[in-house]
Amino acid sequence: YGAQARVVFARDSVFPTSFPDGWKVTAAGCI
């Protein structure tokens, strides 16, 4: 979604965000 994303794994969802130096994880361990 623009500069934000949701990556869903079998046991976790991780939320990365785009920064000038690349994508960084803003949240993890998400249910």
PDB file of all heavy atoms in Angstrom:
ATOM      1  N   TYR A   1       0.870  -1.179   0.000  1.00  0.00           N
ATOM      2  CA  TYR A   1       0.000   0.000   0.000  1.00  0.00           C
ATOM      3  C   TYR A   1       0.904   1.225   0.000  1.00  0.00           C
ATOM      4  O   TYR A   1       1.286   1.693   1.069  1.00  0.00           O
ATOM      5  CB  TYR A   1      -0.907   0.014   1.233  1.00  0.00           C
ATOM      6  CG  TYR A   1      -1.647  -1.280   1.445  1.00  0.00           C
ATOM      7  CD1 TYR A   1      -1.156  -2.250   2.306  1.00  0.00           C
ATOM      8  CD2 TYR A   1      -2.831  -1.537   0.763  1.00  0.00           C
ATOM      9  CE1 TYR A   1      -1.829  -3.437   2.496  1.00  0.00           C
ATOM     10  CE2 TYR A   1      -3.512  -2.732   0.943  1.00  0.00           C
ATOM     11  CZ  TYR A   1      -3.010  -3.673   1.811  1.00  0.00           C
ATOM     12  OH  TYR A   1      -3.672  -4.860   2.000  1.00  0.00           O
ATOM     13  N   GLY A   2       1.283   1.707  -1.170  1.00  0.00           N
ATOM     14  CA  GLY A   2       2.197   2.839  -1.257  1.00  0.00           C
ATOM     15  C   GLY A   2       3.556   2.485  -0.682  1.00  0.00           C
ATOM     16  O   GLY A   2       4.237   1.603  -1.171  1.00  0.00           O
ATOM     17  N   ALA A   3       3.946   3.151   0.395  1.00  0.00           N
ATOM     18  CA  ALA A   3       5.245   2.921   1.023  1.00  0.00           C
ATOM     19  C   ALA A   3       5.156   1.953   2.195  1.00  0.00           C
ATOM     20  O   ALA A   3       6.117   1.794   2.942  1.00  0.00           O
ATOM     21  CB  ALA A   3       5.840   4.247   1.493  1.00  0.00           C
ATOM     22  N   GLN A   4       4.020   1.298   2.379  1.00  0.00           N
ATOM     23  CA  GLN A   4       3.856   0.336   3.464  1.00  0.00           C
ATOM     24  C   GLN A   4       3.440  -1.004   2.901  1.00  0.00           C
ATOM     25  O   GLN A   4       2.858  -1.079   1.815  1.00  0.00           O
ATOM     26  CB  GLN A   4       2.820   0.842   4.465  1.00  0.00           C
ATOM     27  CG  GLN A   4       3.241   2.140   5.106  1.00  0.00           C
ATOM     28  CD  GLN A   4       2.250   2.590   6.167  1.00  0.00           C
ATOM     29  OE1 GLN A   4       1.250   1.948   6.425  1.00  0.00           O
ATOM     30  NE2 GLN A   4       2.551   3.715   6.779  1.00  0.00           N
ATOM     31  N   ALA A   5       3.748  -2.061   3.654  1.00  0.00           N
ATOM     32  CA  ALA A   5       3.413  -3.401   3.178  1.00  0.00           C
ATOM     33  C   ALA A   5       3.065  -4.311   4.347  1.00  0.00           C
ATOM     34  O   ALA A   5       3.381  -4.015   5.503  1.00  0.00           O
ATOM     35  CB  ALA A   5       4.579  -3.991   2.388  1.00  0.00           C
ATOM     36  N   ARG A   6       2.421  -5.413   3.995  1.00  0.00           N
ATOM     37  CA  ARG A   6       2.153  -6.486   4.947  1.00  0.00           C
ATOM     38  C   ARG A   6       2.662  -7.764   4.297  1.00  0.00           C
ATOM     39  O   ARG A   6       2.296  -8.088   3.162  1.00  0.00           O
ATOM     40  CB  ARG A   6       0.655  -6.603   5.218  1.00  0.00           C
ATOM     41  CG  ARG A   6       0.306  -7.791   6.123  1.00  0.00           C
ATOM     42  CD  ARG A   6      -1.173  -7.915   6.327  1.00  0.00           C
ATOM     43  NE  ARG A   6      -1.806  -8.259   5.045  1.00  0.00           N
ATOM     44  CZ  ARG A   6      -3.059  -8.661   4.938  1.00  0.00           C
ATOM     45  NH1 ARG A   6      -3.827  -8.739   5.994  1.00  0.00           N
ATOM     46  NH2 ARG A   6      -3.569  -8.948   3.751  1.00  0.00           N
ATOM     47  N   VAL A   7       3.527  -8.486   5.019  1.00  0.00           N
ATOM     48  CA  VAL A   7       4.055  -9.751   4.531  1.00  0.00           C
ATOM     49  C   VAL A   7       3.548 -10.826   5.496  1.00  0.00           C
ATOM     50  O   VAL A   7       3.884 -10.807   6.682  1.00  0.00           O
ATOM     51  CB  VAL A   7       5.598  -9.745   4.467  1.00  0.00           C
ATOM     52  CG1 VAL A   7       6.122 -11.073   3.929  1.00  0.00           C
ATOM     53  CG2 VAL A   7       6.088  -8.579   3.601  1.00  0.00           C
ATOM     54  N   VAL A   8       2.731 -11.735   4.975  1.00  0.00           N
ATOM     55  CA  VAL A   8       2.103 -12.758   5.805  1.00  0.00           C
ATOM     56  C   VAL A   8       2.852 -14.068   5.641  1.00  0.00           C
ATOM     57  O   VAL A   8       2.989 -14.586   4.526  1.00  0.00           O
ATOM     58  CB  VAL A   8       0.615 -12.938   5.421  1.00  0.00           C
ATOM     59  CG1 VAL A   8      -0.036 -14.019   6.275  1.00  0.00           C
ATOM     60  CG2 VAL A   8      -0.124 -11.620   5.557  1.00  0.00           C
ATOM     61  N   PHE A   9       3.330 -14.590   6.764  1.00  0.00           N
ATOM     62  CA  PHE A   9       3.964 -15.906   6.821  1.00  0.00           C
ATOM     63  C   PHE A   9       2.982 -16.849   7.529  1.00  0.00           C
ATOM     64  O   PHE A   9       1.967 -16.405   8.067  1.00  0.00           O
ATOM     65  CB  PHE A   9       5.279 -15.842   7.600  1.00  0.00           C
ATOM     66  CG  PHE A   9       6.339 -15.018   6.944  1.00  0.00           C
ATOM     67  CD1 PHE A   9       6.516 -13.693   7.299  1.00  0.00           C
ATOM     68  CD2 PHE A   9       7.168 -15.558   5.970  1.00  0.00           C
ATOM     69  CE1 PHE A   9       7.498 -12.917   6.699  1.00  0.00           C
ATOM     70  CE2 PHE A   9       8.148 -14.793   5.362  1.00  0.00           C
ATOM     71  CZ  PHE A   9       8.323 -13.469   5.724  1.00  0.00           C
ATOM     72  N   ALA A  10       3.290 -18.129   7.577  1.00  0.00           N
ATOM     73  CA  ALA A  10       2.396 -19.100   8.219  1.00  0.00           C
ATOM     74  C   ALA A  10       2.185 -18.778   9.700  1.00  0.00           C
ATOM     75  O   ALA A  10       1.088 -18.940  10.215  1.00  0.00           O
ATOM     76  CB  ALA A  10       2.957 -20.504   8.059  1.00  0.00           C
ATOM     77  N   ARG A  11       3.226 -18.299  10.382  1.00  0.00           N
ATOM     78  CA  ARG A  11       3.119 -18.083  11.827  1.00  0.00           C
ATOM     79  C   ARG A  11       3.327 -16.640  12.250  1.00  0.00           C
ATOM     80  O   ARG A  11       3.474 -16.362  13.442  1.00  0.00           O
ATOM     81  CB  ARG A  11       4.154 -18.962  12.537  1.00  0.00           C
ATOM     82  CG  ARG A  11       3.880 -20.440  12.353  1.00  0.00           C
ATOM     83  CD  ARG A  11       4.945 -21.341  12.901  1.00  0.00           C
ATOM     84  NE  ARG A  11       5.395 -20.954  14.226  1.00  0.00           N
ATOM     85  CZ  ARG A  11       6.527 -21.382  14.764  1.00  0.00           C
ATOM     86  NH1 ARG A  11       7.313 -22.178  14.088  1.00  0.00           N
ATOM     87  NH2 ARG A  11       6.871 -21.001  15.974  1.00  0.00           N
ATOM     88  N   ASP A  12       3.367 -15.720  11.319  1.00  0.00           N
ATOM     89  CA  ASP A  12       3.629 -14.325  11.673  1.00  0.00           C
ATOM     90  C   ASP A  12       3.214 -13.422  10.517  1.00  0.00           C
ATOM     91  O   ASP A  12       3.164 -13.852   9.371  1.00  0.00           O
ATOM     92  CB  ASP A  12       5.125 -14.132  11.957  1.00  0.00           C
ATOM     93  CG  ASP A  12       5.472 -12.803  12.593  1.00  0.00           C
ATOM     94  OD1 ASP A  12       4.555 -12.055  12.991  1.00  0.00           O
ATOM     95  OD2 ASP A  12       6.667 -12.501  12.710  1.00  0.00           O
ATOM     96  N   SER A  13       2.915 -12.190  10.846  1.00  0.00           N
ATOM     97  CA  SER A  13       2.744 -11.147   9.837  1.00  0.00           C
ATOM     98  C   SER A  13       3.716 -10.035  10.195  1.00  0.00           C
ATOM     99  O   SER A  13       3.835  -9.658  11.361  1.00  0.00           O
ATOM    100  CB  SER A  13       1.307 -10.608   9.837  1.00  0.00           C
ATOM    101  OG  SER A  13       0.423 -11.578   9.331  1.00  0.00           O
ATOM    102  N   VAL A  14       4.403  -9.538   9.188  1.00  0.00           N
ATOM    103  CA  VAL A  14       5.424  -8.511   9.364  1.00  0.00           C
ATOM    104  C   VAL A  14       5.008  -7.306   8.524  1.00  0.00           C
ATOM    105  O   VAL A  14       4.545  -7.466   7.395  1.00  0.00           O
ATOM    106  CB  VAL A  14       6.811  -9.031   8.922  1.00  0.00           C
ATOM    107  CG1 VAL A  14       7.873  -7.962   9.047  1.00  0.00           C
ATOM    108  CG2 VAL A  14       7.195 -10.273   9.731  1.00  0.00           C
ATOM    109  N   PHE A  15       5.188  -6.114   9.084  1.00  0.00           N
ATOM    110  CA  PHE A  15       4.804  -4.885   8.396  1.00  0.00           C
ATOM    111  C   PHE A  15       6.046  -4.035   8.114  1.00  0.00           C
ATOM    112  O   PHE A  15       6.535  -3.352   9.005  1.00  0.00           O
ATOM    113  CB  PHE A  15       3.803  -4.094   9.243  1.00  0.00           C
ATOM    114  CG  PHE A  15       2.459  -4.756   9.332  1.00  0.00           C
ATOM    115  CD1 PHE A  15       2.205  -5.704  10.303  1.00  0.00           C
ATOM    116  CD2 PHE A  15       1.460  -4.445   8.426  1.00  0.00           C
ATOM    117  CE1 PHE A  15       0.968  -6.333  10.383  1.00  0.00           C
ATOM    118  CE2 PHE A  15       0.218  -5.064   8.502  1.00  0.00           C
ATOM    119  CZ  PHE A  15      -0.024  -6.011   9.479  1.00  0.00           C
ATOM    120  N   PRO A  16       6.573  -4.076   6.876  1.00  0.00           N
ATOM    121  CA  PRO A  16       7.684  -3.209   6.494  1.00  0.00           C
ATOM    122  C   PRO A  16       7.181  -1.876   5.924  1.00  0.00           C
ATOM    123  O   PRO A  16       6.054  -1.784   5.430  1.00  0.00           O
ATOM    124  CB  PRO A  16       8.418  -3.996   5.407  1.00  0.00           C
ATOM    125  CG  PRO A  16       7.697  -5.290   5.251  1.00  0.00           C
ATOM    126  CD  PRO A  16       6.379  -5.162   5.932  1.00  0.00           C
ATOM    127  N   THR A  17       8.048  -0.875   5.998  1.00  0.00           N
ATOM    128  CA  THR A  17       7.776   0.450   5.444  1.00  0.00           C
ATOM    129  C   THR A  17       9.005   0.881   4.650  1.00  0.00           C
ATOM    130  O   THR A  17      10.132   0.613   5.042  1.00  0.00           O
ATOM    131  CB  THR A  17       7.487   1.463   6.566  1.00  0.00           C
ATOM    132  OG1 THR A  17       6.314   1.031   7.265  1.00  0.00           O
ATOM    133  CG2 THR A  17       7.246   2.856   6.025  1.00  0.00           C
ATOM    134  N   SER A  18       8.770   1.592   3.549  1.00  0.00           N
ATOM    135  CA  SER A  18       9.861   2.077   2.715  1.00  0.00           C
ATOM    136  C   SER A  18      10.443   3.363   3.288  1.00  0.00           C
ATOM    137  O   SER A  18       9.717   4.303   3.606  1.00  0.00           O
ATOM    138  CB  SER A  18       9.356   2.334   1.299  1.00  0.00           C
ATOM    139  OG  SER A  18      10.402   2.812   0.482  1.00  0.00           O
ATOM    140  N   PHE A  19      11.766   3.382   3.408  1.00  0.00           N
ATOM    141  CA  PHE A  19      12.521   4.554   3.848  1.00  0.00           C
ATOM    142  C   PHE A  19      13.515   4.893   2.740  1.00  0.00           C
ATOM    143  O   PHE A  19      13.756   4.071   1.850  1.00  0.00           O
ATOM    144  CB  PHE A  19      13.270   4.249   5.154  1.00  0.00           C
ATOM    145  CG  PHE A  19      12.360   4.138   6.347  1.00  0.00           C
ATOM    146  CD1 PHE A  19      11.752   2.940   6.670  1.00  0.00           C
ATOM    147  CD2 PHE A  19      12.101   5.249   7.138  1.00  0.00           C
ATOM    148  CE1 PHE A  19      10.905   2.837   7.761  1.00  0.00           C
ATOM    149  CE2 PHE A  19      11.250   5.164   8.230  1.00  0.00           C
ATOM    150  CZ  PHE A  19      10.653   3.956   8.549  1.00  0.00           C
ATOM    151  N   PRO A  20      14.120   6.078   2.762  1.00  0.00           N
ATOM    152  CA  PRO A  20      15.078   6.432   1.713  1.00  0.00           C
ATOM    153  C   PRO A  20      16.219   5.418   1.562  1.00  0.00           C
ATOM    154  O   PRO A  20      16.729   5.224   0.469  1.00  0.00           O
ATOM    155  CB  PRO A  20      15.612   7.796   2.165  1.00  0.00           C
ATOM    156  CG  PRO A  20      14.483   8.384   2.948  1.00  0.00           C
ATOM    157  CD  PRO A  20      13.858   7.211   3.667  1.00  0.00           C
ATOM    158  N   ASP A  21      16.586   4.734   2.648  1.00  0.00           N
ATOM    159  CA  ASP A  21      17.678   3.756   2.567  1.00  0.00           C
ATOM    160  C   ASP A  21      17.180   2.315   2.438  1.00  0.00           C
ATOM    161  O   ASP A  21      17.936   1.373   2.625  1.00  0.00           O
ATOM    162  CB  ASP A  21      18.619   3.901   3.763  1.00  0.00           C
ATOM    163  CG  ASP A  21      17.935   3.666   5.096  1.00  0.00           C
ATOM    164  OD1 ASP A  21      16.689   3.749   5.162  1.00  0.00           O
ATOM    165  OD2 ASP A  21      18.640   3.399   6.085  1.00  0.00           O
ATOM    166  N   GLY A  22      15.910   2.135   2.122  1.00  0.00           N
ATOM    167  CA  GLY A  22      15.380   0.790   1.907  1.00  0.00           C
ATOM    168  C   GLY A  22      14.194   0.483   2.803  1.00  0.00           C
ATOM    169  O   GLY A  22      13.742   1.317   3.582  1.00  0.00           O
ATOM    170  N   TRP A  23      13.687  -0.733   2.668  1.00  0.00           N
ATOM    171  CA  TRP A  23      12.536  -1.170   3.461  1.00  0.00           C
ATOM    172  C   TRP A  23      13.003  -1.612   4.839  1.00  0.00           C
ATOM    173  O   TRP A  23      14.000  -2.306   4.970  1.00  0.00           O
ATOM    174  CB  TRP A  23      11.823  -2.315   2.747  1.00  0.00           C
ATOM    175  CG  TRP A  23      11.046  -1.853   1.558  1.00  0.00           C
ATOM    176  CD1 TRP A  23      11.546  -1.575   0.315  1.00  0.00           C
ATOM    177  CD2 TRP A  23       9.654  -1.578   1.498  1.00  0.00           C
ATOM    178  NE1 TRP A  23      10.532  -1.142  -0.509  1.00  0.00           N
ATOM    179  CE2 TRP A  23       9.355  -1.149   0.193  1.00  0.00           C
ATOM    180  CE3 TRP A  23       8.613  -1.665   2.417  1.00  0.00           C
ATOM    181  CZ2 TRP A  23       8.079  -0.804  -0.224  1.00  0.00           C
ATOM    182  CZ3 TRP A  23       7.335  -1.329   2.010  1.00  0.00           C
ATOM    183  CH2 TRP A  23       7.072  -0.903   0.710  1.00  0.00           C
ATOM    184  N   LYS A  24      12.261  -1.200   5.859  1.00  0.00           N
ATOM    185  CA  LYS A  24      12.561  -1.525   7.253  1.00  0.00           C
ATOM    186  C   LYS A  24      11.305  -2.081   7.910  1.00  0.00           C
ATOM    187  O   LYS A  24      10.185  -1.693   7.569  1.00  0.00           O
ATOM    188  CB  LYS A  24      13.008  -0.278   8.030  1.00  0.00           C
ATOM    189  CG  LYS A  24      14.192   0.454   7.433  1.00  0.00           C
ATOM    190  CD  LYS A  24      15.467  -0.266   7.708  1.00  0.00           C
ATOM    191  CE  LYS A  24      16.657   0.542   7.199  1.00  0.00           C
ATOM    192  NZ  LYS A  24      17.903  -0.100   7.465  1.00  0.00           N
ATOM    193  N   VAL A  25      11.486  -2.938   8.894  1.00  0.00           N
ATOM    194  CA  VAL A  25      10.363  -3.548   9.609  1.00  0.00           C
ATOM    195  C   VAL A  25       9.847  -2.588  10.677  1.00  0.00           C
ATOM    196  O   VAL A  25      10.603  -2.158  11.544  1.00  0.00           O
ATOM    197  CB  VAL A  25      10.788  -4.894  10.231  1.00  0.00           C
ATOM    198  CG1 VAL A  25       9.702  -5.448  11.137  1.00  0.00           C
ATOM    199  CG2 VAL A  25      11.135  -5.885   9.128  1.00  0.00           C
ATOM    200  N   THR A  26       8.561  -2.259  10.597  1.00  0.00           N
ATOM    201  CA  THR A  26       7.943  -1.381  11.591  1.00  0.00           C
ATOM    202  C   THR A  26       7.182  -2.184  12.641  1.00  0.00           C
ATOM    203  O   THR A  26       6.978  -1.697  13.754  1.00  0.00           O
ATOM    204  CB  THR A  26       6.973  -0.377  10.935  1.00  0.00           C
ATOM    205  OG1 THR A  26       6.029  -1.096  10.156  1.00  0.00           O
ATOM    206  CG2 THR A  26       7.715   0.605  10.061  1.00  0.00           C
ATOM    207  N   ALA A  27       6.748  -3.398  12.294  1.00  0.00           N
ATOM    208  CA  ALA A  27       6.023  -4.242  13.244  1.00  0.00           C
ATOM    209  C   ALA A  27       6.202  -5.705  12.862  1.00  0.00           C
ATOM    210  O   ALA A  27       6.308  -6.039  11.680  1.00  0.00           O
ATOM    211  CB  ALA A  27       4.546  -3.880  13.270  1.00  0.00           C
ATOM    212  N   ALA A  28       6.232  -6.575  13.878  1.00  0.00           N
ATOM    213  CA  ALA A  28       6.365  -8.023  13.657  1.00  0.00           C
ATOM    214  C   ALA A  28       5.731  -8.738  14.848  1.00  0.00           C
ATOM    215  O   ALA A  28       5.407  -8.127  15.862  1.00  0.00           O
ATOM    216  CB  ALA A  28       7.825  -8.421  13.501  1.00  0.00           C
ATOM    217  N   GLY A  29       5.590 -10.045  14.702  1.00  0.00           N
ATOM    218  CA  GLY A  29       4.910 -10.800  15.746  1.00  0.00           C
ATOM    219  C   GLY A  29       3.446 -10.410  15.792  1.00  0.00           C
ATOM    220  O   GLY A  29       2.851 -10.304  16.853  1.00  0.00           O
ATOM    221  N   CYS A  30       2.868 -10.183  14.615  1.00  0.00           N
ATOM    222  CA  CYS A  30       1.514  -9.646  14.514  1.00  0.00           C
ATOM    223  C   CYS A  30       0.498 -10.738  14.199  1.00  0.00           C
ATOM    224  O   CYS A  30       0.722 -11.562  13.313  1.00  0.00           O
ATOM    225  CB  CYS A  30       1.452  -8.583  13.422  1.00  0.00           C
ATOM    226  SG  CYS A  30       2.588  -7.207  13.701  1.00  0.00           S
ATOM    227  N   ILE A  31      -0.596 -10.701  14.923  1.00  0.00           N
ATOM    228  CA  ILE A  31      -1.681 -11.641  14.669  1.00  0.00           C
ATOM    229  C   ILE A  31      -2.953 -10.846  14.373  1.00  0.00           C
ATOM    230  O   ILE A  31      -3.207  -9.820  15.003  1.00  0.00           O
ATOM    231  CB  ILE A  31      -1.907 -12.628  15.837  1.00  0.00           C
ATOM    232  CG1 ILE A  31      -2.157 -11.877  17.138  1.00  0.00           C
ATOM    233  CG2 ILE A  31      -0.741 -13.584  15.985  1.00  0.00           C
ATOM    234  CD1 ILE A  31      -2.594 -12.758  18.287  1.00  0.00           C
TER     235      ILE A  31
END
